[in-house]
């Protein structure tokens, strides 16, 4: 079991003008992993606010994983990847690559997603798109790797095994 923070990035959601269906989709899709949702919030599409929340949650040591939803597209106010890049210690490009590759089998516009992942201290941060459907598809693509990633960050895995033919 590991603990998760769910951060929705949405101007309308932060003003209570839109229901947070993507945050709910994250929780539902992660439920087979038996996770605990330790933190949950909605912030507007403001780089400094996103970065502050990510930093606070990762530095608290209360969450193993932070999943964001929203702000990964091409619109002028889509700044979640930039906020994430400004606070991470290392990027983990395989998560973004896997999400885009899987999503491209569903919809051709998936290549427009700028979703990424990185590590701050011992917390994995993963950016997801804003729609509930895209959230579910992207998490489906990376779900099998999440437990191993968290265990590795916790120091519970010392060596990565390779599959024998």
C-alpha atoms as a PDB file:
ATOM      1  CA  UNK A   1       0.000   0.000   0.000  1.00  0.00           C
ATOM      2  CA  UNK A   2       1.160   3.518  -0.674  1.00  0.00           C
ATOM      3  CA  UNK A   3      -0.178   7.022  -0.118  1.00  0.00           C
ATOM      4  CA  UNK A   4      -1.294   9.342  -2.890  1.00  0.00           C
ATOM      5  CA  UNK A   5      -1.954  13.034  -3.337  1.00  0.00           C
ATOM      6  CA  UNK A   6      -4.423  14.029  -6.060  1.00  0.00           C
ATOM      7  CA  UNK A   7      -4.033  17.575  -7.362  1.00  0.00           C
ATOM      8  CA  UNK A   8      -6.538  18.896  -9.879  1.00  0.00           C
ATOM      9  CA  UNK A   9      -5.348  21.911 -11.854  1.00  0.00           C
ATOM     10  CA  UNK A  10      -8.346  23.856 -13.096  1.00  0.00           C
ATOM     11  CA  UNK A  11      -9.350  27.500 -13.053  1.00  0.00           C
ATOM     12  CA  UNK A  12     -13.065  26.621 -13.140  1.00  0.00           C
ATOM     13  CA  UNK A  13     -12.682  23.797 -10.637  1.00  0.00           C
ATOM     14  CA  UNK A  14     -10.859  26.062  -8.181  1.00  0.00           C
ATOM     15  CA  UNK A  15     -13.750  28.546  -8.405  1.00  0.00           C
ATOM     16  CA  UNK A  16     -16.298  25.718  -7.898  1.00  0.00           C
ATOM     17  CA  UNK A  17     -17.727  26.303 -11.380  1.00  0.00           C
ATOM     18  CA  UNK A  18     -16.974  22.719 -12.479  1.00  0.00           C
ATOM     19  CA  UNK A  19     -17.163  19.379 -10.658  1.00  0.00           C
ATOM     20  CA  UNK A  20     -13.828  17.548 -10.305  1.00  0.00           C
ATOM     21  CA  UNK A  21     -14.577  14.366 -12.261  1.00  0.00           C
ATOM     22  CA  UNK A  22     -10.924  13.768 -13.162  1.00  0.00           C
ATOM     23  CA  UNK A  23      -9.830  13.639  -9.521  1.00  0.00           C
ATOM     24  CA  UNK A  24     -12.537  11.046  -8.915  1.00  0.00           C
ATOM     25  CA  UNK A  25     -11.353   9.080 -11.972  1.00  0.00           C
ATOM     26  CA  UNK A  26      -7.819   8.997 -10.544  1.00  0.00           C
ATOM     27  CA  UNK A  27      -9.054   7.580  -7.249  1.00  0.00           C
ATOM     28  CA  UNK A  28     -11.217   4.971  -8.958  1.00  0.00           C
ATOM     29  CA  UNK A  29      -8.474   3.859 -11.356  1.00  0.00           C
ATOM     30  CA  UNK A  30      -5.850   3.605  -8.598  1.00  0.00           C
ATOM     31  CA  UNK A  31      -8.172   1.662  -6.253  1.00  0.00           C
ATOM     32  CA  UNK A  32      -6.988  -1.817  -7.391  1.00  0.00           C
ATOM     33  CA  UNK A  33      -3.557  -0.895  -5.989  1.00  0.00           C
ATOM     34  CA  UNK A  34      -5.059  -0.473  -2.513  1.00  0.00           C
ATOM     35  CA  UNK A  35      -3.786   3.096  -2.141  1.00  0.00           C
ATOM     36  CA  UNK A  36      -4.635   5.657   0.508  1.00  0.00           C
ATOM     37  CA  UNK A  37      -5.595   9.120  -0.706  1.00  0.00           C
ATOM     38  CA  UNK A  38      -3.682  11.235   1.804  1.00  0.00           C
ATOM     39  CA  UNK A  39      -4.031  14.634   0.118  1.00  0.00           C
ATOM     40  CA  UNK A  40      -6.488  16.107  -2.345  1.00  0.00           C
ATOM     41  CA  UNK A  41      -6.932  19.651  -3.596  1.00  0.00           C
ATOM     42  CA  UNK A  42      -7.811  21.844  -6.557  1.00  0.00           C
ATOM     43  CA  UNK A  43      -5.677  24.803  -7.630  1.00  0.00           C
ATOM     44  CA  UNK A  44      -6.035  27.259 -10.507  1.00  0.00           C
ATOM     45  CA  UNK A  45      -3.768  27.115 -13.563  1.00  0.00           C
ATOM     46  CA  UNK A  46      -1.050  29.222 -11.939  1.00  0.00           C
ATOM     47  CA  UNK A  47       2.509  27.907 -12.162  1.00  0.00           C
ATOM     48  CA  UNK A  48       3.617  29.175  -8.754  1.00  0.00           C
ATOM     49  CA  UNK A  49       0.553  27.733  -6.970  1.00  0.00           C
ATOM     50  CA  UNK A  50       0.979  24.342  -8.635  1.00  0.00           C
ATOM     51  CA  UNK A  51       4.699  24.311  -7.792  1.00  0.00           C
ATOM     52  CA  UNK A  52       4.009  25.313  -4.171  1.00  0.00           C
ATOM     53  CA  UNK A  53       1.476  22.525  -3.673  1.00  0.00           C
ATOM     54  CA  UNK A  54       3.690  19.889  -5.300  1.00  0.00           C
ATOM     55  CA  UNK A  55       6.671  20.988  -3.206  1.00  0.00           C
ATOM     56  CA  UNK A  56       4.672  21.043   0.014  1.00  0.00           C
ATOM     57  CA  UNK A  57       3.196  17.601  -0.518  1.00  0.00           C
ATOM     58  CA  UNK A  58       6.433  15.961  -1.670  1.00  0.00           C
ATOM     59  CA  UNK A  59       8.502  17.530   1.104  1.00  0.00           C
ATOM     60  CA  UNK A  60       5.979  16.547   3.793  1.00  0.00           C
ATOM     61  CA  UNK A  61       6.860  12.874   3.405  1.00  0.00           C
ATOM     62  CA  UNK A  62       3.136  12.059   3.643  1.00  0.00           C
ATOM     63  CA  UNK A  63       2.704  10.930   0.034  1.00  0.00           C
ATOM     64  CA  UNK A  64       4.597   8.430  -2.086  1.00  0.00           C
ATOM     65  CA  UNK A  65       2.884   9.551  -5.275  1.00  0.00           C
ATOM     66  CA  UNK A  66       1.320  12.805  -6.436  1.00  0.00           C
ATOM     67  CA  UNK A  67      -0.935  12.603  -9.477  1.00  0.00           C
ATOM     68  CA  UNK A  68      -1.999  15.835 -11.124  1.00  0.00           C
ATOM     69  CA  UNK A  69      -4.801  16.215 -13.616  1.00  0.00           C
ATOM     70  CA  UNK A  70      -5.171  19.143 -15.973  1.00  0.00           C
ATOM     71  CA  UNK A  71      -2.938  21.763 -17.514  1.00  0.00           C
ATOM     72  CA  UNK A  72      -0.935  19.464 -19.820  1.00  0.00           C
ATOM     73  CA  UNK A  73      -2.244  20.672 -23.159  1.00  0.00           C
ATOM     74  CA  UNK A  74      -1.332  23.493 -25.505  1.00  0.00           C
ATOM     75  CA  UNK A  75      -3.563  26.285 -24.188  1.00  0.00           C
ATOM     76  CA  UNK A  76      -1.790  29.394 -22.907  1.00  0.00           C
ATOM     77  CA  UNK A  77      -2.775  28.657 -19.282  1.00  0.00           C
ATOM     78  CA  UNK A  78      -1.649  24.991 -19.426  1.00  0.00           C
ATOM     79  CA  UNK A  79       1.452  25.178 -17.207  1.00  0.00           C
ATOM     80  CA  UNK A  80       1.381  22.005 -15.098  1.00  0.00           C
ATOM     81  CA  UNK A  81       4.454  20.431 -16.779  1.00  0.00           C
ATOM     82  CA  UNK A  82       6.429  23.656 -16.347  1.00  0.00           C
ATOM     83  CA  UNK A  83       5.477  23.837 -12.662  1.00  0.00           C
ATOM     84  CA  UNK A  84       6.465  20.205 -12.204  1.00  0.00           C
ATOM     85  CA  UNK A  85       9.794  20.631 -13.991  1.00  0.00           C
ATOM     86  CA  UNK A  86      10.598  23.612 -11.773  1.00  0.00           C
ATOM     87  CA  UNK A  87      10.481  21.515  -8.565  1.00  0.00           C
ATOM     88  CA  UNK A  88      11.585  17.958  -9.449  1.00  0.00           C
ATOM     89  CA  UNK A  89      15.040  16.503  -8.845  1.00  0.00           C
ATOM     90  CA  UNK A  90      14.852  14.026 -11.751  1.00  0.00           C
ATOM     91  CA  UNK A  91      12.575  13.494 -14.714  1.00  0.00           C
ATOM     92  CA  UNK A  92      11.182   9.998 -15.416  1.00  0.00           C
ATOM     93  CA  UNK A  93      10.369  10.222 -19.143  1.00  0.00           C
ATOM     94  CA  UNK A  94       9.115   6.648 -19.548  1.00  0.00           C
ATOM     95  CA  UNK A  95       5.796   7.442 -17.872  1.00  0.00           C
ATOM     96  CA  UNK A  96       4.935  10.259 -20.306  1.00  0.00           C
ATOM     97  CA  UNK A  97       6.124   8.190 -23.239  1.00  0.00           C
ATOM     98  CA  UNK A  98       4.032   5.186 -22.190  1.00  0.00           C
ATOM     99  CA  UNK A  99       0.925   7.298 -21.608  1.00  0.00           C
ATOM    100  CA  UNK A 100       1.181   9.006 -24.994  1.00  0.00           C
ATOM    101  CA  UNK A 101       1.919   5.739 -26.829  1.00  0.00           C
ATOM    102  CA  UNK A 102      -1.088   4.012 -25.283  1.00  0.00           C
ATOM    103  CA  UNK A 103      -3.362   7.020 -25.749  1.00  0.00           C
ATOM    104  CA  UNK A 104      -2.382   7.283 -29.413  1.00  0.00           C
ATOM    105  CA  UNK A 105      -4.054   3.922 -29.958  1.00  0.00           C
ATOM    106  CA  UNK A 106      -7.287   5.573 -28.780  1.00  0.00           C
ATOM    107  CA  UNK A 107      -7.167   9.097 -30.190  1.00  0.00           C
ATOM    108  CA  UNK A 108      -4.773  10.853 -32.628  1.00  0.00           C
ATOM    109  CA  UNK A 109      -4.663  14.062 -30.587  1.00  0.00           C
ATOM    110  CA  UNK A 110      -2.899  12.246 -27.711  1.00  0.00           C
ATOM    111  CA  UNK A 111       0.393  13.420 -29.196  1.00  0.00           C
ATOM    112  CA  UNK A 112      -0.521  16.928 -28.051  1.00  0.00           C
ATOM    113  CA  UNK A 113      -0.301  15.954 -24.381  1.00  0.00           C
ATOM    114  CA  UNK A 114       2.741  17.330 -22.565  1.00  0.00           C
ATOM    115  CA  UNK A 115       2.182  15.082 -19.528  1.00  0.00           C
ATOM    116  CA  UNK A 116       5.380  14.133 -17.747  1.00  0.00           C
ATOM    117  CA  UNK A 117       6.668  12.551 -14.556  1.00  0.00           C
ATOM    118  CA  UNK A 118       9.478  13.204 -12.146  1.00  0.00           C
ATOM    119  CA  UNK A 119      10.822  12.649  -8.665  1.00  0.00           C
ATOM    120  CA  UNK A 120      11.162  15.105  -5.823  1.00  0.00           C
ATOM    121  CA  UNK A 121      12.999  13.545  -2.893  1.00  0.00           C
ATOM    122  CA  UNK A 122      11.207  10.192  -2.492  1.00  0.00           C
ATOM    123  CA  UNK A 123       7.918  11.217  -4.110  1.00  0.00           C
ATOM    124  CA  UNK A 124       6.925  10.341  -7.665  1.00  0.00           C
ATOM    125  CA  UNK A 125       4.930  13.082  -9.397  1.00  0.00           C
ATOM    126  CA  UNK A 126       2.926  12.233 -12.514  1.00  0.00           C
ATOM    127  CA  UNK A 127       1.033  14.754 -14.651  1.00  0.00           C
ATOM    128  CA  UNK A 128      -2.117  13.529 -16.384  1.00  0.00           C
ATOM    129  CA  UNK A 129      -4.457  15.253 -18.851  1.00  0.00           C
ATOM    130  CA  UNK A 130      -7.626  16.894 -17.597  1.00  0.00           C
ATOM    131  CA  UNK A 131     -10.435  14.743 -18.973  1.00  0.00           C
ATOM    132  CA  UNK A 132     -11.705  11.758 -16.954  1.00  0.00           C
ATOM    133  CA  UNK A 133     -11.420   9.479 -20.015  1.00  0.00           C
ATOM    134  CA  UNK A 134      -7.801  10.492 -20.649  1.00  0.00           C
ATOM    135  CA  UNK A 135      -6.975  10.129 -16.940  1.00  0.00           C
ATOM    136  CA  UNK A 136      -8.267   6.554 -16.942  1.00  0.00           C
ATOM    137  CA  UNK A 137      -6.483   5.637 -20.170  1.00  0.00           C
ATOM    138  CA  UNK A 138      -3.166   7.131 -19.069  1.00  0.00           C
ATOM    139  CA  UNK A 139      -3.284   5.461 -15.659  1.00  0.00           C
ATOM    140  CA  UNK A 140      -4.192   2.139 -17.287  1.00  0.00           C
ATOM    141  CA  UNK A 141      -0.971   2.435 -19.310  1.00  0.00           C
ATOM    142  CA  UNK A 142       1.288   2.976 -16.283  1.00  0.00           C
ATOM    143  CA  UNK A 143      -0.542   1.170 -13.469  1.00  0.00           C
ATOM    144  CA  UNK A 144       1.601  -1.993 -13.676  1.00  0.00           C
ATOM    145  CA  UNK A 145       4.817   0.006 -13.096  1.00  0.00           C
ATOM    146  CA  UNK A 146       3.621   2.167 -10.193  1.00  0.00           C
ATOM    147  CA  UNK A 147       4.126  -0.276  -7.287  1.00  0.00           C
ATOM    148  CA  UNK A 148       7.692  -1.065  -8.385  1.00  0.00           C
ATOM    149  CA  UNK A 149       8.476   2.634  -8.845  1.00  0.00           C
ATOM    150  CA  UNK A 150       7.195   3.455  -5.343  1.00  0.00           C
ATOM    151  CA  UNK A 151       9.001   0.508  -3.761  1.00  0.00           C
ATOM    152  CA  UNK A 152      12.221   1.611  -5.453  1.00  0.00           C
ATOM    153  CA  UNK A 153      11.841   5.183  -4.210  1.00  0.00           C
ATOM    154  CA  UNK A 154      11.182   3.909  -0.687  1.00  0.00           C
ATOM    155  CA  UNK A 155      14.410   1.896  -0.872  1.00  0.00           C
ATOM    156  CA  UNK A 156      12.561  -1.421  -0.676  1.00  0.00           C
ATOM    157  CA  UNK A 157      14.028  -2.630  -3.985  1.00  0.00           C
ATOM    158  CA  UNK A 158      17.790  -2.734  -4.310  1.00  0.00           C
ATOM    159  CA  UNK A 159      18.102  -4.335  -7.735  1.00  0.00           C
ATOM    160  CA  UNK A 160      15.803  -4.405 -10.710  1.00  0.00           C
ATOM    161  CA  UNK A 161      15.378  -7.906 -12.068  1.00  0.00           C
ATOM    162  CA  UNK A 162      15.332  -8.755 -15.719  1.00  0.00           C
ATOM    163  CA  UNK A 163      12.936 -11.160 -17.320  1.00  0.00           C
ATOM    164  CA  UNK A 164      14.416 -14.448 -18.412  1.00  0.00           C
ATOM    165  CA  UNK A 165      13.474 -15.631 -21.946  1.00  0.00           C
END
